[in-house]
Amino acid sequence: MTDYVELLKSLKASLDSAASNQEFHRLIDLDSAVRACVNEAIEASQKDEKLKRDIAGVIREIMPVYRNIALVCGERSQLLKTEMTQLKRSRKGATEYLSVYGKMG
């Protein structure tokens, strides 16, 4: 029998680590693993009240991790959006410069 509580705690630690280290590429796979594990755990705990309570407790511990991930990803998204805007402006400026320079030369 799978120890879903320990598996979920391990996945929580991995999510925490990936978010802290800004390993965004790992978050998608970890999220899929967490979701699959939660679904299996809930299914397995239908007839075991203690297991159901333990799993619910771990899920409550995972929720703040997801909130933190959403915050970190939102901040990263905003940073990338700002960088893209600056890159577009720089590119436009370079194009205009070359256009004017071409007319003078």
N, C-alpha and C. Protein backbone atom coordinates (compact mmCIF):
# COMPACT_ATOMS: atom_id res chain seq x y z
N MET A 1 0.84 -1.19 0.00
CA MET A 1 0.00 0.00 0.00
C MET A 1 0.89 1.26 0.00
N THR A 2 0.51 2.22 -0.79
CA THR A 2 1.27 3.45 -0.91
C THR A 2 1.06 4.34 0.31
N ASP A 3 2.15 4.94 0.79
CA ASP A 3 2.04 5.89 1.89
C ASP A 3 1.84 7.28 1.29
N TYR A 4 0.59 7.62 1.07
CA TYR A 4 0.25 8.87 0.40
C TYR A 4 0.65 10.10 1.22
N VAL A 5 0.58 10.00 2.51
CA VAL A 5 0.93 11.14 3.36
C VAL A 5 2.41 11.48 3.16
N GLU A 6 3.27 10.48 3.21
CA GLU A 6 4.71 10.73 3.03
C GLU A 6 5.01 11.18 1.60
N LEU A 7 4.34 10.60 0.64
CA LEU A 7 4.54 10.99 -0.76
C LEU A 7 4.13 12.44 -0.97
N LEU A 8 3.00 12.83 -0.41
CA LEU A 8 2.55 14.22 -0.53
C LEU A 8 3.51 15.19 0.17
N LYS A 9 4.03 14.78 1.33
CA LYS A 9 5.00 15.63 2.03
C LYS A 9 6.27 15.79 1.20
N SER A 10 6.70 14.72 0.56
CA SER A 10 7.88 14.78 -0.30
C SER A 10 7.63 15.69 -1.50
N LEU A 11 6.45 15.58 -2.10
CA LEU A 11 6.10 16.44 -3.23
C LEU A 11 6.02 17.90 -2.80
N LYS A 12 5.50 18.14 -1.60
CA LYS A 12 5.43 19.51 -1.07
C LYS A 12 6.83 20.09 -0.95
N ALA A 13 7.76 19.30 -0.41
CA ALA A 13 9.15 19.76 -0.26
C ALA A 13 9.77 20.05 -1.63
N SER A 14 9.47 19.22 -2.61
CA SER A 14 10.00 19.44 -3.95
C SER A 14 9.42 20.70 -4.58
N LEU A 15 8.12 20.93 -4.37
CA LEU A 15 7.48 22.16 -4.87
C LEU A 15 8.13 23.38 -4.22
N ASP A 16 8.29 23.31 -2.92
CA ASP A 16 8.92 24.41 -2.17
C ASP A 16 10.32 24.71 -2.71
N SER A 17 11.09 23.66 -2.90
CA SER A 17 12.46 23.80 -3.39
C SER A 17 12.48 24.40 -4.80
N ALA A 18 11.64 23.89 -5.67
CA ALA A 18 11.59 24.39 -7.06
C ALA A 18 11.20 25.87 -7.08
N ALA A 19 10.24 26.26 -6.26
CA ALA A 19 9.81 27.66 -6.21
C ALA A 19 10.93 28.54 -5.64
N SER A 20 11.55 28.09 -4.57
CA SER A 20 12.62 28.87 -3.94
C SER A 20 13.81 29.05 -4.87
N ASN A 21 14.10 28.02 -5.66
CA ASN A 21 15.25 28.07 -6.56
C ASN A 21 14.88 28.57 -7.96
N GLN A 22 13.65 29.01 -8.10
CA GLN A 22 13.13 29.52 -9.37
C GLN A 22 13.35 28.53 -10.51
N GLU A 23 13.08 27.26 -10.21
CA GLU A 23 13.16 26.20 -11.22
C GLU A 23 11.77 26.00 -11.81
N PHE A 24 11.35 26.99 -12.58
CA PHE A 24 9.99 27.03 -13.08
C PHE A 24 9.65 25.82 -13.96
N HIS A 25 10.65 25.30 -14.66
CA HIS A 25 10.44 24.15 -15.53
C HIS A 25 10.01 22.91 -14.73
N ARG A 26 10.40 22.82 -13.48
CA ARG A 26 10.02 21.67 -12.64
C ARG A 26 8.61 21.77 -12.10
N LEU A 27 8.09 22.98 -12.01
CA LEU A 27 6.78 23.17 -11.37
C LEU A 27 5.65 22.47 -12.10
N ILE A 28 5.70 22.44 -13.41
CA ILE A 28 4.62 21.80 -14.18
C ILE A 28 4.56 20.31 -13.87
N ASP A 29 5.72 19.65 -13.91
CA ASP A 29 5.75 18.21 -13.62
C ASP A 29 5.36 17.93 -12.17
N LEU A 30 5.85 18.74 -11.26
CA LEU A 30 5.52 18.55 -9.84
C LEU A 30 4.03 18.77 -9.60
N ASP A 31 3.46 19.77 -10.23
CA ASP A 31 2.03 20.02 -10.08
C ASP A 31 1.23 18.81 -10.56
N SER A 32 1.61 18.26 -11.69
CA SER A 32 0.91 17.07 -12.20
C SER A 32 1.04 15.90 -11.23
N ALA A 33 2.22 15.74 -10.66
CA ALA A 33 2.44 14.66 -9.69
C ALA A 33 1.61 14.86 -8.43
N VAL A 34 1.53 16.10 -7.96
CA VAL A 34 0.74 16.40 -6.76
C VAL A 34 -0.74 16.10 -7.03
N ARG A 35 -1.24 16.57 -8.16
CA ARG A 35 -2.65 16.35 -8.49
C ARG A 35 -2.98 14.86 -8.59
N ALA A 36 -2.11 14.11 -9.26
CA ALA A 36 -2.34 12.67 -9.40
C ALA A 36 -2.31 11.98 -8.04
N CYS A 37 -1.35 12.37 -7.22
CA CYS A 37 -1.23 11.77 -5.88
C CYS A 37 -2.44 12.10 -5.02
N VAL A 38 -2.89 13.35 -5.07
CA VAL A 38 -4.06 13.76 -4.28
C VAL A 38 -5.28 12.95 -4.72
N ASN A 39 -5.47 12.81 -6.03
CA ASN A 39 -6.61 12.04 -6.53
C ASN A 39 -6.56 10.59 -6.06
N GLU A 40 -5.38 9.98 -6.17
CA GLU A 40 -5.22 8.59 -5.70
C GLU A 40 -5.42 8.48 -4.20
N ALA A 41 -4.86 9.44 -3.46
CA ALA A 41 -4.95 9.42 -2.00
C ALA A 41 -6.41 9.55 -1.55
N ILE A 42 -7.13 10.45 -2.18
CA ILE A 42 -8.55 10.63 -1.82
C ILE A 42 -9.32 9.36 -2.11
N GLU A 43 -9.05 8.76 -3.24
CA GLU A 43 -9.71 7.50 -3.60
C GLU A 43 -9.40 6.41 -2.57
N ALA A 44 -8.12 6.31 -2.21
CA ALA A 44 -7.69 5.27 -1.27
C ALA A 44 -8.21 5.50 0.15
N SER A 45 -8.49 6.74 0.50
CA SER A 45 -8.89 7.06 1.88
C SER A 45 -10.40 7.03 2.10
N GLN A 46 -11.16 6.65 1.12
CA GLN A 46 -12.61 6.68 1.24
C GLN A 46 -13.14 5.85 2.42
N LYS A 47 -12.47 4.78 2.75
CA LYS A 47 -12.94 3.92 3.84
C LYS A 47 -12.06 3.99 5.08
N ASP A 48 -11.15 4.94 5.11
CA ASP A 48 -10.22 5.05 6.23
C ASP A 48 -10.23 6.49 6.73
N GLU A 49 -10.96 6.75 7.80
CA GLU A 49 -11.14 8.12 8.30
C GLU A 49 -9.82 8.75 8.77
N LYS A 50 -8.96 7.95 9.41
CA LYS A 50 -7.69 8.49 9.86
C LYS A 50 -6.83 8.91 8.67
N LEU A 51 -6.76 8.07 7.67
CA LEU A 51 -6.00 8.40 6.47
C LEU A 51 -6.59 9.63 5.80
N LYS A 52 -7.90 9.72 5.78
CA LYS A 52 -8.57 10.87 5.18
C LYS A 52 -8.17 12.16 5.91
N ARG A 53 -8.15 12.13 7.24
CA ARG A 53 -7.76 13.30 8.04
C ARG A 53 -6.29 13.65 7.80
N ASP A 54 -5.43 12.62 7.76
CA ASP A 54 -4.00 12.85 7.54
C ASP A 54 -3.75 13.48 6.17
N ILE A 55 -4.43 12.97 5.17
CA ILE A 55 -4.27 13.50 3.82
C ILE A 55 -4.79 14.94 3.75
N ALA A 56 -5.91 15.19 4.39
CA ALA A 56 -6.46 16.55 4.42
C ALA A 56 -5.47 17.51 5.09
N GLY A 57 -4.81 17.04 6.14
CA GLY A 57 -3.82 17.87 6.82
C GLY A 57 -2.65 18.22 5.92
N VAL A 58 -2.16 17.25 5.17
CA VAL A 58 -1.04 17.51 4.26
C VAL A 58 -1.49 18.44 3.14
N ILE A 59 -2.69 18.26 2.64
CA ILE A 59 -3.21 19.13 1.58
C ILE A 59 -3.27 20.57 2.10
N ARG A 60 -3.69 20.75 3.35
CA ARG A 60 -3.70 22.10 3.94
C ARG A 60 -2.29 22.68 4.02
N GLU A 61 -1.28 21.82 4.24
CA GLU A 61 0.11 22.28 4.27
C GLU A 61 0.61 22.66 2.87
N ILE A 62 0.10 21.99 1.86
CA ILE A 62 0.52 22.25 0.48
C ILE A 62 -0.08 23.54 -0.06
N MET A 63 -1.25 23.91 0.39
CA MET A 63 -1.94 25.08 -0.16
C MET A 63 -1.12 26.37 -0.07
N PRO A 64 -0.47 26.68 1.05
CA PRO A 64 0.36 27.90 1.08
C PRO A 64 1.53 27.84 0.09
N VAL A 65 2.03 26.65 -0.16
CA VAL A 65 3.11 26.50 -1.14
C VAL A 65 2.60 26.92 -2.52
N TYR A 66 1.38 26.49 -2.85
CA TYR A 66 0.79 26.89 -4.13
C TYR A 66 0.55 28.40 -4.19
N ARG A 67 0.13 28.98 -3.08
CA ARG A 67 -0.05 30.44 -3.06
C ARG A 67 1.29 31.14 -3.31
N ASN A 68 2.33 30.65 -2.69
CA ASN A 68 3.67 31.21 -2.89
C ASN A 68 4.12 31.05 -4.34
N ILE A 69 3.87 29.89 -4.92
CA ILE A 69 4.23 29.65 -6.32
C ILE A 69 3.49 30.62 -7.23
N ALA A 70 2.22 30.83 -6.98
CA ALA A 70 1.44 31.77 -7.78
C ALA A 70 2.03 33.17 -7.68
N LEU A 71 2.43 33.56 -6.49
CA LEU A 71 3.04 34.88 -6.28
C LEU A 71 4.37 34.99 -7.03
N VAL A 72 5.23 34.00 -6.87
CA VAL A 72 6.54 34.00 -7.52
C VAL A 72 6.38 34.01 -9.04
N CYS A 73 5.49 33.19 -9.55
CA CYS A 73 5.28 33.14 -11.00
C CYS A 73 4.68 34.44 -11.52
N GLY A 74 3.79 35.05 -10.75
CA GLY A 74 3.22 36.34 -11.14
C GLY A 74 4.28 37.42 -11.21
N GLU A 75 5.16 37.44 -10.21
CA GLU A 75 6.26 38.42 -10.21
C GLU A 75 7.19 38.18 -11.39
N ARG A 76 7.51 36.94 -11.65
CA ARG A 76 8.40 36.60 -12.77
C ARG A 76 7.74 36.98 -14.10
N SER A 77 6.47 36.74 -14.22
CA SER A 77 5.74 37.10 -15.44
C SER A 77 5.79 38.60 -15.67
N GLN A 78 5.58 39.37 -14.61
CA GLN A 78 5.63 40.83 -14.73
C GLN A 78 7.02 41.29 -15.14
N LEU A 79 8.04 40.71 -14.57
CA LEU A 79 9.42 41.05 -14.91
C LEU A 79 9.70 40.76 -16.39
N LEU A 80 9.26 39.60 -16.85
CA LEU A 80 9.47 39.24 -18.25
C LEU A 80 8.70 40.17 -19.19
N LYS A 81 7.51 40.56 -18.78
CA LYS A 81 6.71 41.48 -19.58
C LYS A 81 7.42 42.83 -19.71
N THR A 82 7.98 43.31 -18.61
CA THR A 82 8.73 44.57 -18.62
C THR A 82 9.96 44.47 -19.53
N GLU A 83 10.68 43.36 -19.42
CA GLU A 83 11.86 43.16 -20.25
C GLU A 83 11.49 43.10 -21.74
N MET A 84 10.39 42.45 -22.07
CA MET A 84 9.94 42.37 -23.46
C MET A 84 9.58 43.75 -23.99
N THR A 85 8.91 44.55 -23.17
CA THR A 85 8.55 45.91 -23.58
C THR A 85 9.80 46.73 -23.85
N GLN A 86 10.79 46.63 -22.97
CA GLN A 86 12.05 47.36 -23.17
C GLN A 86 12.78 46.87 -24.41
N LEU A 87 12.76 45.59 -24.65
CA LEU A 87 13.41 45.03 -25.83
C LEU A 87 12.74 45.54 -27.11
N LYS A 88 11.40 45.59 -27.11
CA LYS A 88 10.68 46.09 -28.28
C LYS A 88 11.00 47.56 -28.52
N ARG A 89 11.07 48.34 -27.45
CA ARG A 89 11.42 49.76 -27.59
C ARG A 89 12.83 49.93 -28.14
N SER A 90 13.75 49.14 -27.64
CA SER A 90 15.14 49.21 -28.11
C SER A 90 15.23 48.83 -29.59
N ARG A 91 14.50 47.81 -29.94
CA ARG A 91 14.50 47.36 -31.34
C ARG A 91 13.91 48.43 -32.26
N LYS A 92 12.81 49.03 -31.80
CA LYS A 92 12.18 50.09 -32.59
C LYS A 92 13.14 51.28 -32.74
N GLY A 93 13.82 51.64 -31.64
CA GLY A 93 14.78 52.74 -31.68
C GLY A 93 15.93 52.44 -32.63
N ALA A 94 16.43 51.22 -32.61
CA ALA A 94 17.53 50.84 -33.50
C ALA A 94 17.08 50.88 -34.95
N THR A 95 15.87 50.42 -35.22
CA THR A 95 15.33 50.44 -36.58
C THR A 95 15.19 51.87 -37.08
N GLU A 96 14.68 52.75 -36.23
CA GLU A 96 14.54 54.17 -36.61
C GLU A 96 15.90 54.80 -36.85
N TYR A 97 16.87 54.50 -36.01
CA TYR A 97 18.22 55.04 -36.17
C TYR A 97 18.81 54.61 -37.51
N LEU A 98 18.68 53.32 -37.80
CA LEU A 98 19.23 52.82 -39.06
C LEU A 98 18.52 53.42 -40.27
N SER A 99 17.24 53.66 -40.13
CA SER A 99 16.48 54.27 -41.21
C SER A 99 16.97 55.70 -41.46
N VAL A 100 17.15 56.48 -40.40
CA VAL A 100 17.63 57.86 -40.53
C VAL A 100 19.07 57.86 -41.03
N TYR A 101 19.90 57.00 -40.49
CA TYR A 101 21.30 56.91 -40.89
C TYR A 101 21.42 56.55 -42.37
N GLY A 102 20.54 55.67 -42.84
CA GLY A 102 20.54 55.27 -44.24
C GLY A 102 20.22 56.42 -45.18
N LYS A 103 19.35 57.31 -44.72
CA LYS A 103 18.97 58.47 -45.55
C LYS A 103 20.10 59.49 -45.61
N MET A 104 20.94 59.52 -44.58
CA MET A 104 22.02 60.51 -44.50
C MET A 104 23.25 60.01 -45.25
N GLY A 105 23.41 58.74 -45.35
CA GLY A 105 24.63 58.18 -45.89
C GLY A 105 24.60 57.98 -47.34
